[in-house]
Protein backbone atom coordinates (compact mmCIF):
# COMPACT_ATOMS: atom_id res chain seq x y z
CA MET A 1 3.27 12.01 2.01
CA ARG A 2 -0.21 10.95 1.39
CA MET A 3 -3.34 13.53 1.19
CA PRO A 4 -6.08 12.31 3.49
CA PRO A 5 -9.03 10.44 1.41
CA ALA A 6 -11.91 12.37 0.22
CA PRO A 7 -15.29 12.13 2.62
CA SER A 8 -16.46 8.77 2.05
CA MET A 9 -13.79 7.45 0.39
CA PRO A 10 -11.00 5.48 1.83
CA ASP A 11 -8.07 5.11 2.63
CA ARG A 12 -6.97 3.85 -0.20
CA ASP A 13 -8.79 2.30 -2.60
CA VAL A 14 -6.27 0.34 -4.65
CA ILE A 15 -3.75 -1.97 -1.92
CA ARG A 16 -0.48 -3.58 -3.47
CA VAL A 17 2.18 -5.61 -2.67
CA ILE A 18 4.74 -7.42 -4.36
CA VAL A 19 5.24 -11.11 -3.38
CA ALA A 20 7.77 -13.91 -4.92
CA ASP A 21 6.64 -16.09 -7.42
CA GLU A 22 5.94 -18.94 -5.35
CA ASN A 23 3.27 -17.10 -3.53
CA LEU A 24 1.15 -15.66 -6.15
CA TYR A 25 -1.32 -17.50 -6.35
CA ARG A 26 -1.84 -17.75 -2.31
CA THR A 27 -1.56 -13.55 -2.30
CA MET A 28 -4.63 -13.58 -4.35
CA GLU A 29 -6.81 -16.07 -2.72
CA LEU A 30 -5.93 -14.23 0.56
CA PHE A 31 -7.42 -10.82 -1.15
CA HIS A 32 -10.22 -12.50 -2.20
CA GLU A 33 -10.71 -14.28 1.61
CA LEU A 34 -9.85 -11.16 3.18
CA ALA A 35 -12.12 -8.90 1.29
CA ARG A 36 -15.39 -11.97 1.54
CA GLN A 37 -14.27 -11.37 5.74
CA ASN A 38 -14.57 -8.21 6.00
CA GLY A 39 -18.35 -8.36 3.90
CA ILE A 40 -16.60 -6.52 0.42
CA SER A 41 -17.62 -7.71 -2.79
CA LYS A 42 -17.33 -4.97 -4.72
CA THR A 43 -13.64 -5.68 -5.88
CA SER A 44 -10.89 -6.42 -8.55
CA VAL A 45 -7.68 -8.80 -7.35
CA GLY A 46 -5.32 -8.88 -9.98
CA ALA A 47 -1.42 -9.66 -11.15
CA GLY A 48 0.67 -7.36 -13.14
CA LYS A 49 3.42 -8.19 -15.08
CA PRO A 50 5.68 -10.44 -13.43
CA TYR A 51 9.53 -8.95 -13.20
CA VAL A 52 13.41 -10.36 -12.06
CA ALA A 53 13.98 -8.61 -8.80
CA ASP A 54 17.84 -8.06 -9.16
CA TYR A 55 17.38 -6.15 -5.49
CA ASN A 56 17.39 -9.09 -3.91
CA THR A 57 20.11 -11.95 -2.98
CA PRO A 58 18.85 -14.42 -4.53
CA GLU A 59 17.48 -12.15 -7.59
CA GLN A 60 13.88 -14.25 -7.94
CA LYS A 61 10.91 -13.41 -10.01
CA VAL A 62 8.62 -11.36 -8.00
CA TRP A 63 4.80 -10.45 -9.12
CA PRO A 64 2.76 -7.60 -8.09
CA VAL A 65 -0.51 -8.14 -6.74
CA SER A 66 -3.33 -5.93 -6.42
CA ILE A 67 -6.82 -5.45 -4.87
CA LYS A 68 -9.09 -2.54 -6.39
CA PHE A 69 -12.09 -2.25 -4.53
CA PHE A 70 -15.39 -0.07 -5.62
CA PRO A 71 -18.12 2.08 -4.74
CA ASP A 72 -21.43 1.03 -3.81
CA ARG A 73 -23.21 4.16 -4.44
CA PRO A 74 -24.58 5.62 -7.70
CA ASP A 75 -22.44 8.86 -7.04
CA ASP A 76 -19.10 7.26 -7.11
CA THR A 77 -18.75 7.33 -2.97
CA PHE A 78 -18.83 5.05 0.01
CA THR A 79 -21.52 4.08 2.23
CA PRO A 80 -19.86 4.52 5.72
CA VAL A 81 -20.52 0.60 5.88
CA HIS A 82 -18.64 -0.51 3.36
CA LEU A 83 -16.09 2.46 4.41
CA GLU A 84 -15.47 1.22 6.98
CA ASN A 85 -15.50 -2.60 5.97
CA VAL A 86 -12.66 -1.34 2.82
CA ASN A 87 -10.44 0.62 5.78
CA ASN A 88 -10.16 -2.13 8.24
CA PHE A 89 -9.05 -4.41 5.15
CA GLY A 90 -5.79 -2.67 4.73
CA LYS A 91 -5.15 -2.35 8.23
CA GLN A 92 -5.28 -6.46 8.72
CA VAL A 93 -3.98 -7.40 5.25
CA ASN A 94 -0.28 -6.96 6.31
CA GLU A 95 -1.00 -9.44 8.92
CA ALA A 96 -2.97 -11.41 7.06
CA LEU A 97 -0.23 -11.82 4.90
CA SER A 98 2.20 -12.43 7.44
CA ARG A 99 0.01 -15.21 9.01
CA ALA A 100 -0.32 -17.27 6.21
CA GLY A 101 3.85 -17.40 5.79
CA ILE A 102 3.76 -14.59 2.81
CA VAL A 103 6.16 -12.67 2.42
CA LYS A 104 6.19 -8.93 1.09
CA VAL A 105 9.21 -8.33 -1.13
CA ILE A 106 8.64 -4.88 -1.74
CA PRO A 107 5.42 -3.22 -0.57
CA VAL A 108 4.10 -0.83 -2.98
CA ASP A 109 1.91 1.96 -2.88
């Protein structure tokens, strides 16, 4: 079970998903666009090392894709508005992936 976040910190400062090879760039673009829609500019979107998911039938090449949110205060905390925007991103990401037709192979927390 996850511990509650500290005050002025988001529910999650990194969100990761595992997606099929053909969805890598669409997922990264979606993360950027959803962040923009939520007024979040301090992010880093990246992909980890691809691997073959042998737990799927058929096996397929997959990529871990993540977005990291950075604090907007000098003391490494989040202002209330930035905090709300980041938490909203976390609530919207699964629906946004689904609307885009991107199926997560396996979620990673």
